[in-house]
C-alpha atoms as a PDB file:
ATOM      1  CA  UNK A   1    -107.539 122.891   3.733  1.00  0.00           C
ATOM      2  CA  UNK A   2    -104.804 124.021   6.544  1.00  0.00           C
ATOM      3  CA  UNK A   3    -107.716 123.646   9.281  1.00  0.00           C
ATOM      4  CA  UNK A   4    -108.214 120.688  10.182  1.00  0.00           C
ATOM      5  CA  UNK A   5    -111.318 121.274  11.430  1.00  0.00           C
ATOM      6  CA  UNK A   6    -112.623 122.119   7.084  1.00  0.00           C
ATOM      7  CA  UNK A   7    -113.878 119.925   5.595  1.00  0.00           C
ATOM      8  CA  UNK A   8    -114.006 118.972   1.603  1.00  0.00           C
ATOM      9  CA  UNK A   9    -117.173 119.833  -0.886  1.00  0.00           C
ATOM     10  CA  UNK A  10    -119.645 117.538  -0.674  1.00  0.00           C
ATOM     11  CA  UNK A  11    -118.405 114.605  -3.330  1.00  0.00           C
ATOM     12  CA  UNK A  12    -115.118 114.744  -2.662  1.00  0.00           C
ATOM     13  CA  UNK A  13    -112.018 112.952  -1.108  1.00  0.00           C
ATOM     14  CA  UNK A  14    -109.601 114.103   1.286  1.00  0.00           C
ATOM     15  CA  UNK A  15    -106.217 113.122   0.889  1.00  0.00           C
ATOM     16  CA  UNK A  16    -103.689 113.553   4.136  1.00  0.00           C
ATOM     17  CA  UNK A  17     -99.963 113.441   3.551  1.00  0.00           C
ATOM     18  CA  UNK A  18     -97.111 115.193   4.967  1.00  0.00           C
ATOM     19  CA  UNK A  19     -98.714 118.302   6.274  1.00  0.00           C
ATOM     20  CA  UNK A  20    -100.957 118.962   3.292  1.00  0.00           C
ATOM     21  CA  UNK A  21    -104.331 118.254   3.277  1.00  0.00           C
ATOM     22  CA  UNK A  22    -106.712 118.306  -0.464  1.00  0.00           C
ATOM     23  CA  UNK A  23    -109.250 117.298  -1.638  1.00  0.00           C
ATOM     24  CA  UNK A  24    -109.836 115.203  -4.789  1.00  0.00           C
ATOM     25  CA  UNK A  25    -112.081 113.443  -7.327  1.00  0.00           C
ATOM     26  CA  UNK A  26    -114.243 111.071  -5.723  1.00  0.00           C
ATOM     27  CA  UNK A  27    -114.796 107.881  -7.472  1.00  0.00           C
ATOM     28  CA  UNK A  28    -112.387 105.516  -7.342  1.00  0.00           C
ATOM     29  CA  UNK A  29    -111.868 103.612 -10.724  1.00  0.00           C
ATOM     30  CA  UNK A  30    -112.741 105.468 -12.958  1.00  0.00           C
ATOM     31  CA  UNK A  31    -111.902 108.439 -15.058  1.00  0.00           C
ATOM     32  CA  UNK A  32    -114.210 111.369 -14.053  1.00  0.00           C
ATOM     33  CA  UNK A  33    -114.776 114.465 -12.503  1.00  0.00           C
ATOM     34  CA  UNK A  34    -115.382 116.482 -10.116  1.00  0.00           C
ATOM     35  CA  UNK A  35    -117.459 119.239  -9.248  1.00  0.00           C
ATOM     36  CA  UNK A  36    -117.925 122.206  -7.308  1.00  0.00           C
ATOM     37  CA  UNK A  37    -119.611 125.250  -8.422  1.00  0.00           C
ATOM     38  CA  UNK A  38    -119.969 129.154  -7.040  1.00  0.00           C
ATOM     39  CA  UNK A  39    -122.935 131.026  -8.053  1.00  0.00           C
ATOM     40  CA  UNK A  40    -122.886 134.677  -9.251  1.00  0.00           C
ATOM     41  CA  UNK A  41    -126.110 135.793  -7.170  1.00  0.00           C
ATOM     42  CA  UNK A  42    -127.066 137.758 -10.703  1.00  0.00           C
ATOM     43  CA  UNK A  43    -123.191 139.369 -10.765  1.00  0.00           C
ATOM     44  CA  UNK A  44    -122.568 140.115 -14.430  1.00  0.00           C
ATOM     45  CA  UNK A  45    -118.709 139.901 -15.127  1.00  0.00           C
ATOM     46  CA  UNK A  46    -117.054 139.812 -17.795  1.00  0.00           C
ATOM     47  CA  UNK A  47    -113.400 138.620 -16.809  1.00  0.00           C
ATOM     48  CA  UNK A  48    -112.865 135.776 -14.259  1.00  0.00           C
ATOM     49  CA  UNK A  49    -109.351 135.271 -12.172  1.00  0.00           C
ATOM     50  CA  UNK A  50    -107.833 133.232  -9.844  1.00  0.00           C
ATOM     51  CA  UNK A  51    -105.868 130.522  -8.921  1.00  0.00           C
ATOM     52  CA  UNK A  52    -105.280 127.248  -7.627  1.00  0.00           C
ATOM     53  CA  UNK A  53    -103.121 124.922  -5.554  1.00  0.00           C
ATOM     54  CA  UNK A  54    -102.916 120.723  -5.860  1.00  0.00           C
ATOM     55  CA  UNK A  55    -100.541 118.437  -5.712  1.00  0.00           C
ATOM     56  CA  UNK A  56     -99.726 115.126  -8.088  1.00  0.00           C
ATOM     57  CA  UNK A  57    -101.144 112.131  -6.999  1.00  0.00           C
ATOM     58  CA  UNK A  58     -98.652 108.802  -9.007  1.00  0.00           C
ATOM     59  CA  UNK A  59     -99.279 108.958 -12.387  1.00  0.00           C
ATOM     60  CA  UNK A  60    -100.287 112.247 -13.944  1.00  0.00           C
ATOM     61  CA  UNK A  61    -100.710 111.963 -17.516  1.00  0.00           C
ATOM     62  CA  UNK A  62    -101.519 115.613 -18.611  1.00  0.00           C
ATOM     63  CA  UNK A  63    -104.061 115.715 -21.471  1.00  0.00           C
ATOM     64  CA  UNK A  64    -102.361 112.355 -23.356  1.00  0.00           C
ATOM     65  CA  UNK A  65    -105.087 112.188 -25.929  1.00  0.00           C
ATOM     66  CA  UNK A  66    -105.104 108.400 -26.167  1.00  0.00           C
ATOM     67  CA  UNK A  67    -105.809 104.711 -24.456  1.00  0.00           C
ATOM     68  CA  UNK A  68    -102.466 104.100 -23.372  1.00  0.00           C
ATOM     69  CA  UNK A  69    -102.766 100.639 -25.998  1.00  0.00           C
ATOM     70  CA  UNK A  70     -98.907 101.443 -27.467  1.00  0.00           C
ATOM     71  CA  UNK A  71    -100.362 103.043 -30.267  1.00  0.00           C
ATOM     72  CA  UNK A  72     -98.233 105.589 -32.020  1.00  0.00           C
ATOM     73  CA  UNK A  73     -98.900 108.599 -30.555  1.00  0.00           C
ATOM     74  CA  UNK A  74    -101.656 110.702 -31.918  1.00  0.00           C
ATOM     75  CA  UNK A  75    -103.006 107.388 -33.892  1.00  0.00           C
ATOM     76  CA  UNK A  76    -105.530 107.337 -31.427  1.00  0.00           C
ATOM     77  CA  UNK A  77    -108.155 110.128 -30.117  1.00  0.00           C
ATOM     78  CA  UNK A  78    -110.084 108.982 -27.320  1.00  0.00           C
ATOM     79  CA  UNK A  79    -113.735 110.557 -27.169  1.00  0.00           C
ATOM     80  CA  UNK A  80    -113.342 111.918 -23.550  1.00  0.00           C
ATOM     81  CA  UNK A  81    -110.434 114.034 -25.146  1.00  0.00           C
ATOM     82  CA  UNK A  82    -112.382 117.237 -27.169  1.00  0.00           C
ATOM     83  CA  UNK A  83    -115.280 117.042 -24.468  1.00  0.00           C
ATOM     84  CA  UNK A  84    -115.157 119.482 -22.449  1.00  0.00           C
ATOM     85  CA  UNK A  85    -117.592 117.869 -20.342  1.00  0.00           C
ATOM     86  CA  UNK A  86    -115.497 114.917 -20.014  1.00  0.00           C
ATOM     87  CA  UNK A  87    -112.240 113.866 -18.321  1.00  0.00           C
ATOM     88  CA  UNK A  88    -110.236 115.787 -21.161  1.00  0.00           C
ATOM     89  CA  UNK A  89    -108.098 116.445 -18.679  1.00  0.00           C
ATOM     90  CA  UNK A  90    -105.496 114.835 -15.733  1.00  0.00           C
ATOM     91  CA  UNK A  91    -105.701 118.299 -13.582  1.00  0.00           C
ATOM     92  CA  UNK A  92    -108.689 121.382 -12.906  1.00  0.00           C
ATOM     93  CA  UNK A  93    -111.021 122.594 -15.807  1.00  0.00           C
ATOM     94  CA  UNK A  94    -112.498 125.406 -14.456  1.00  0.00           C
ATOM     95  CA  UNK A  95    -115.815 126.851 -16.940  1.00  0.00           C
ATOM     96  CA  UNK A  96    -118.847 128.755 -16.345  1.00  0.00           C
ATOM     97  CA  UNK A  97    -121.986 128.679 -16.859  1.00  0.00           C
ATOM     98  CA  UNK A  98    -124.746 125.617 -19.221  1.00  0.00           C
ATOM     99  CA  UNK A  99    -123.717 124.728 -21.592  1.00  0.00           C
ATOM    100  CA  UNK A 100    -120.285 124.652 -19.944  1.00  0.00           C
ATOM    101  CA  UNK A 101    -117.409 127.531 -21.673  1.00  0.00           C
ATOM    102  CA  UNK A 102    -113.861 127.376 -21.526  1.00  0.00           C
ATOM    103  CA  UNK A 103    -112.219 129.678 -18.827  1.00  0.00           C
ATOM    104  CA  UNK A 104    -108.940 127.777 -17.500  1.00  0.00           C
ATOM    105  CA  UNK A 105    -107.372 124.598 -17.073  1.00  0.00           C
ATOM    106  CA  UNK A 106    -104.737 123.138 -14.767  1.00  0.00           C
ATOM    107  CA  UNK A 107    -102.497 120.436 -16.792  1.00  0.00           C
ATOM    108  CA  UNK A 108    -100.295 118.003 -13.988  1.00  0.00           C
ATOM    109  CA  UNK A 109     -97.563 116.275 -15.962  1.00  0.00           C
ATOM    110  CA  UNK A 110     -96.477 113.521 -15.823  1.00  0.00           C
ATOM    111  CA  UNK A 111     -92.372 114.284 -14.783  1.00  0.00           C
ATOM    112  CA  UNK A 112     -90.720 117.340 -14.907  1.00  0.00           C
ATOM    113  CA  UNK A 113     -87.037 116.402 -15.621  1.00  0.00           C
ATOM    114  CA  UNK A 114     -87.172 113.404 -17.341  1.00  0.00           C
ATOM    115  CA  UNK A 115     -89.318 111.285 -20.308  1.00  0.00           C
ATOM    116  CA  UNK A 116     -91.158 107.284 -19.299  1.00  0.00           C
ATOM    117  CA  UNK A 117     -88.820 105.208 -19.295  1.00  0.00           C
ATOM    118  CA  UNK A 118     -91.460 103.016 -21.499  1.00  0.00           C
ATOM    119  CA  UNK A 119     -91.986 105.276 -23.912  1.00  0.00           C
ATOM    120  CA  UNK A 120     -89.091 107.939 -23.504  1.00  0.00           C
ATOM    121  CA  UNK A 121     -90.540 110.126 -25.902  1.00  0.00           C
ATOM    122  CA  UNK A 122     -91.814 112.847 -23.516  1.00  0.00           C
ATOM    123  CA  UNK A 123     -96.075 112.220 -24.989  1.00  0.00           C
ATOM    124  CA  UNK A 124     -97.048 112.322 -20.598  1.00  0.00           C
ATOM    125  CA  UNK A 125     -95.088 115.023 -19.824  1.00  0.00           C
ATOM    126  CA  UNK A 126     -97.450 118.723 -20.345  1.00  0.00           C
ATOM    127  CA  UNK A 127     -97.674 120.282 -23.282  1.00  0.00           C
ATOM    128  CA  UNK A 128     -95.784 123.441 -22.862  1.00  0.00           C
ATOM    129  CA  UNK A 129     -92.703 120.742 -21.509  1.00  0.00           C
ATOM    130  CA  UNK A 130     -89.795 120.075 -23.848  1.00  0.00           C
ATOM    131  CA  UNK A 131     -89.863 117.478 -25.913  1.00  0.00           C
ATOM    132  CA  UNK A 132     -93.612 116.167 -25.475  1.00  0.00           C
ATOM    133  CA  UNK A 133     -95.827 115.902 -28.641  1.00  0.00           C
ATOM    134  CA  UNK A 134     -99.112 116.993 -26.436  1.00  0.00           C
ATOM    135  CA  UNK A 135     -98.759 120.656 -28.341  1.00  0.00           C
ATOM    136  CA  UNK A 136     -99.410 119.221 -31.620  1.00  0.00           C
ATOM    137  CA  UNK A 137    -102.678 117.662 -29.675  1.00  0.00           C
ATOM    138  CA  UNK A 138    -103.911 120.173 -27.408  1.00  0.00           C
ATOM    139  CA  UNK A 139    -107.294 120.743 -27.030  1.00  0.00           C
ATOM    140  CA  UNK A 140    -108.604 124.089 -29.290  1.00  0.00           C
ATOM    141  CA  UNK A 141    -111.135 124.696 -26.930  1.00  0.00           C
ATOM    142  CA  UNK A 142    -108.195 125.042 -24.179  1.00  0.00           C
ATOM    143  CA  UNK A 143    -105.885 127.123 -26.818  1.00  0.00           C
ATOM    144  CA  UNK A 144    -103.141 129.326 -24.467  1.00  0.00           C
ATOM    145  CA  UNK A 145    -105.376 129.164 -21.563  1.00  0.00           C
ATOM    146  CA  UNK A 146    -103.789 127.199 -19.663  1.00  0.00           C
ATOM    147  CA  UNK A 147    -100.647 125.968 -16.508  1.00  0.00           C
ATOM    148  CA  UNK A 148     -99.666 122.824 -16.574  1.00  0.00           C
ATOM    149  CA  UNK A 149     -96.193 121.836 -14.513  1.00  0.00           C
ATOM    150  CA  UNK A 150     -95.861 117.996 -12.833  1.00  0.00           C
ATOM    151  CA  UNK A 151     -95.036 117.601  -9.221  1.00  0.00           C
ATOM    152  CA  UNK A 152     -92.483 114.178  -9.711  1.00  0.00           C
ATOM    153  CA  UNK A 153     -88.584 115.555  -9.811  1.00  0.00           C
ATOM    154  CA  UNK A 154     -87.356 111.791 -10.596  1.00  0.00           C
ATOM    155  CA  UNK A 155     -84.776 111.969 -13.270  1.00  0.00           C
ATOM    156  CA  UNK A 156     -85.141 108.023 -14.399  1.00  0.00           C
ATOM    157  CA  UNK A 157     -88.488 108.676 -15.876  1.00  0.00           C
ATOM    158  CA  UNK A 158     -89.747 106.606 -13.364  1.00  0.00           C
ATOM    159  CA  UNK A 159     -92.622 107.947 -10.565  1.00  0.00           C
ATOM    160  CA  UNK A 160     -94.593 106.661  -7.491  1.00  0.00           C
ATOM    161  CA  UNK A 161     -98.046 106.151  -5.981  1.00  0.00           C
ATOM    162  CA  UNK A 162     -97.320 108.962  -3.243  1.00  0.00           C
ATOM    163  CA  UNK A 163     -98.385 112.124  -3.249  1.00  0.00           C
ATOM    164  CA  UNK A 164     -95.797 114.299  -3.826  1.00  0.00           C
ATOM    165  CA  UNK A 165     -96.097 117.586  -1.140  1.00  0.00           C
ATOM    166  CA  UNK A 166     -93.316 119.001  -1.762  1.00  0.00           C
ATOM    167  CA  UNK A 167     -93.587 120.199  -5.156  1.00  0.00           C
ATOM    168  CA  UNK A 168     -96.999 121.793  -5.287  1.00  0.00           C
ATOM    169  CA  UNK A 169     -98.435 122.499  -8.882  1.00  0.00           C
ATOM    170  CA  UNK A 170     -99.211 126.023 -10.908  1.00  0.00           C
ATOM    171  CA  UNK A 171     -97.025 127.916  -8.661  1.00  0.00           C
ATOM    172  CA  UNK A 172     -94.435 128.835 -10.456  1.00  0.00           C
ATOM    173  CA  UNK A 173     -92.398 127.725  -8.712  1.00  0.00           C
ATOM    174  CA  UNK A 174     -89.892 124.537  -8.863  1.00  0.00           C
ATOM    175  CA  UNK A 175     -89.746 123.804 -12.406  1.00  0.00           C
ATOM    176  CA  UNK A 176     -88.362 120.970 -13.486  1.00  0.00           C
ATOM    177  CA  UNK A 177     -85.252 121.538 -16.581  1.00  0.00           C
ATOM    178  CA  UNK A 178     -88.347 119.654 -18.736  1.00  0.00           C
ATOM    179  CA  UNK A 179     -90.420 121.986 -17.616  1.00  0.00           C
ATOM    180  CA  UNK A 180     -88.908 125.577 -17.052  1.00  0.00           C
ATOM    181  CA  UNK A 181     -90.630 126.834 -20.035  1.00  0.00           C
ATOM    182  CA  UNK A 182     -93.650 126.310 -18.883  1.00  0.00           C
ATOM    183  CA  UNK A 183     -93.395 128.268 -15.745  1.00  0.00           C
ATOM    184  CA  UNK A 184     -91.054 131.275 -17.329  1.00  0.00           C
ATOM    185  CA  UNK A 185     -93.795 132.219 -20.674  1.00  0.00           C
ATOM    186  CA  UNK A 186     -96.189 132.380 -17.953  1.00  0.00           C
ATOM    187  CA  UNK A 187     -95.281 135.132 -15.789  1.00  0.00           C
ATOM    188  CA  UNK A 188     -98.254 135.894 -13.849  1.00  0.00           C
ATOM    189  CA  UNK A 189     -98.216 132.780 -11.878  1.00  0.00           C
ATOM    190  CA  UNK A 190     -99.627 131.116 -10.196  1.00  0.00           C
ATOM    191  CA  UNK A 191    -102.354 134.020 -10.930  1.00  0.00           C
ATOM    192  CA  UNK A 192    -104.750 133.230 -14.235  1.00  0.00           C
ATOM    193  CA  UNK A 193    -106.375 135.789 -16.241  1.00  0.00           C
ATOM    194  CA  UNK A 194    -109.081 135.427 -18.841  1.00  0.00           C
ATOM    195  CA  UNK A 195    -111.176 138.427 -20.329  1.00  0.00           C
ATOM    196  CA  UNK A 196    -114.619 136.887 -21.788  1.00  0.00           C
ATOM    197  CA  UNK A 197    -116.077 137.621 -24.869  1.00  0.00           C
ATOM    198  CA  UNK A 198    -118.951 139.320 -23.626  1.00  0.00           C
ATOM    199  CA  UNK A 199    -120.853 140.019 -19.826  1.00  0.00           C
ATOM    200  CA  UNK A 200    -122.461 137.226 -17.673  1.00  0.00           C
ATOM    201  CA  UNK A 201    -124.504 136.251 -14.761  1.00  0.00           C
ATOM    202  CA  UNK A 202    -122.999 132.194 -15.416  1.00  0.00           C
ATOM    203  CA  UNK A 203    -122.049 129.880 -12.462  1.00  0.00           C
ATOM    204  CA  UNK A 204    -118.030 129.411 -12.395  1.00  0.00           C
ATOM    205  CA  UNK A 205    -117.356 125.561 -11.686  1.00  0.00           C
ATOM    206  CA  UNK A 206    -114.361 124.053 -10.626  1.00  0.00           C
ATOM    207  CA  UNK A 207    -113.699 119.882 -11.376  1.00  0.00           C
ATOM    208  CA  UNK A 208    -111.206 117.967 -10.437  1.00  0.00           C
ATOM    209  CA  UNK A 209    -110.705 116.115 -12.934  1.00  0.00           C
ATOM    210  CA  UNK A 210    -108.661 112.254 -15.041  1.00  0.00           C
ATOM    211  CA  UNK A 211    -108.871 109.953 -17.560  1.00  0.00           C
ATOM    212  CA  UNK A 212    -108.269 106.086 -15.065  1.00  0.00           C
ATOM    213  CA  UNK A 213    -109.214 105.440 -11.519  1.00  0.00           C
ATOM    214  CA  UNK A 214    -108.087 107.680  -8.218  1.00  0.00           C
ATOM    215  CA  UNK A 215    -105.415 104.402  -7.469  1.00  0.00           C
ATOM    216  CA  UNK A 216    -103.850 105.448 -10.721  1.00  0.00           C
ATOM    217  CA  UNK A 217    -104.173 109.294 -10.576  1.00  0.00           C
ATOM    218  CA  UNK A 218    -105.402 112.040  -9.209  1.00  0.00           C
ATOM    219  CA  UNK A 219    -104.705 116.089  -8.739  1.00  0.00           C
ATOM    220  CA  UNK A 220    -105.919 117.072  -5.338  1.00  0.00           C
ATOM    221  CA  UNK A 221    -106.824 120.978  -4.537  1.00  0.00           C
ATOM    222  CA  UNK A 222    -105.546 122.068  -1.457  1.00  0.00           C
ATOM    223  CA  UNK A 223    -106.900 125.954  -2.145  1.00  0.00           C
ATOM    224  CA  UNK A 224    -108.095 127.898  -4.607  1.00  0.00           C
ATOM    225  CA  UNK A 225    -108.991 131.469  -5.220  1.00  0.00           C
ATOM    226  CA  UNK A 226    -111.601 132.664  -8.012  1.00  0.00           C
ATOM    227  CA  UNK A 227    -112.957 136.440  -8.855  1.00  0.00           C
ATOM    228  CA  UNK A 228    -115.091 137.904 -10.641  1.00  0.00           C
ATOM    229  CA  UNK A 229    -115.225 141.239 -12.573  1.00  0.00           C
END
């Protein structure tokens, strides 16, 4: 999206800030996903690789499982959290076919170098971040097939209603003190590679998702590459 003459795919909403142009989810006031599909054109493949560049807007909370009503962590599991067809992630979901089968998930956490001031337990940070409990509730269909970073460098547990353009997500760079392992444990970053258990001609689908409205959170995508083999 560096070319000002290029528009977002149908249904996506354009974000512009600091020279960055990126495409986020469409529905402004509710949790939702906005999708684009890529047909295989009959090509049979058994491996998918690619990379995605996105940006954090405001208060992303990774794969937090609950409903944000001060419940103890993990005591409430919202139905959307366990449903691959729903907004199970604040980030990007890559799947294949119908019914959807998981390929890769790119997650955006709240903070990279501190815990949210209200809870002070890292419950909104990446599952791979130091001190985060999210690894204990990470969806089984995701497994280890994910990347997670935050673009928010705050060291005091705060966040702002801005597009964090200085730290692109899922590039393995600019990782804060709490999420260093999210990057060092994934030497392939920014590239993911998924070997399937079968050959298929399924279409691929990329969804930008969030469990709240766009005024509260979004993770617009500025660039992606997807390849099959």
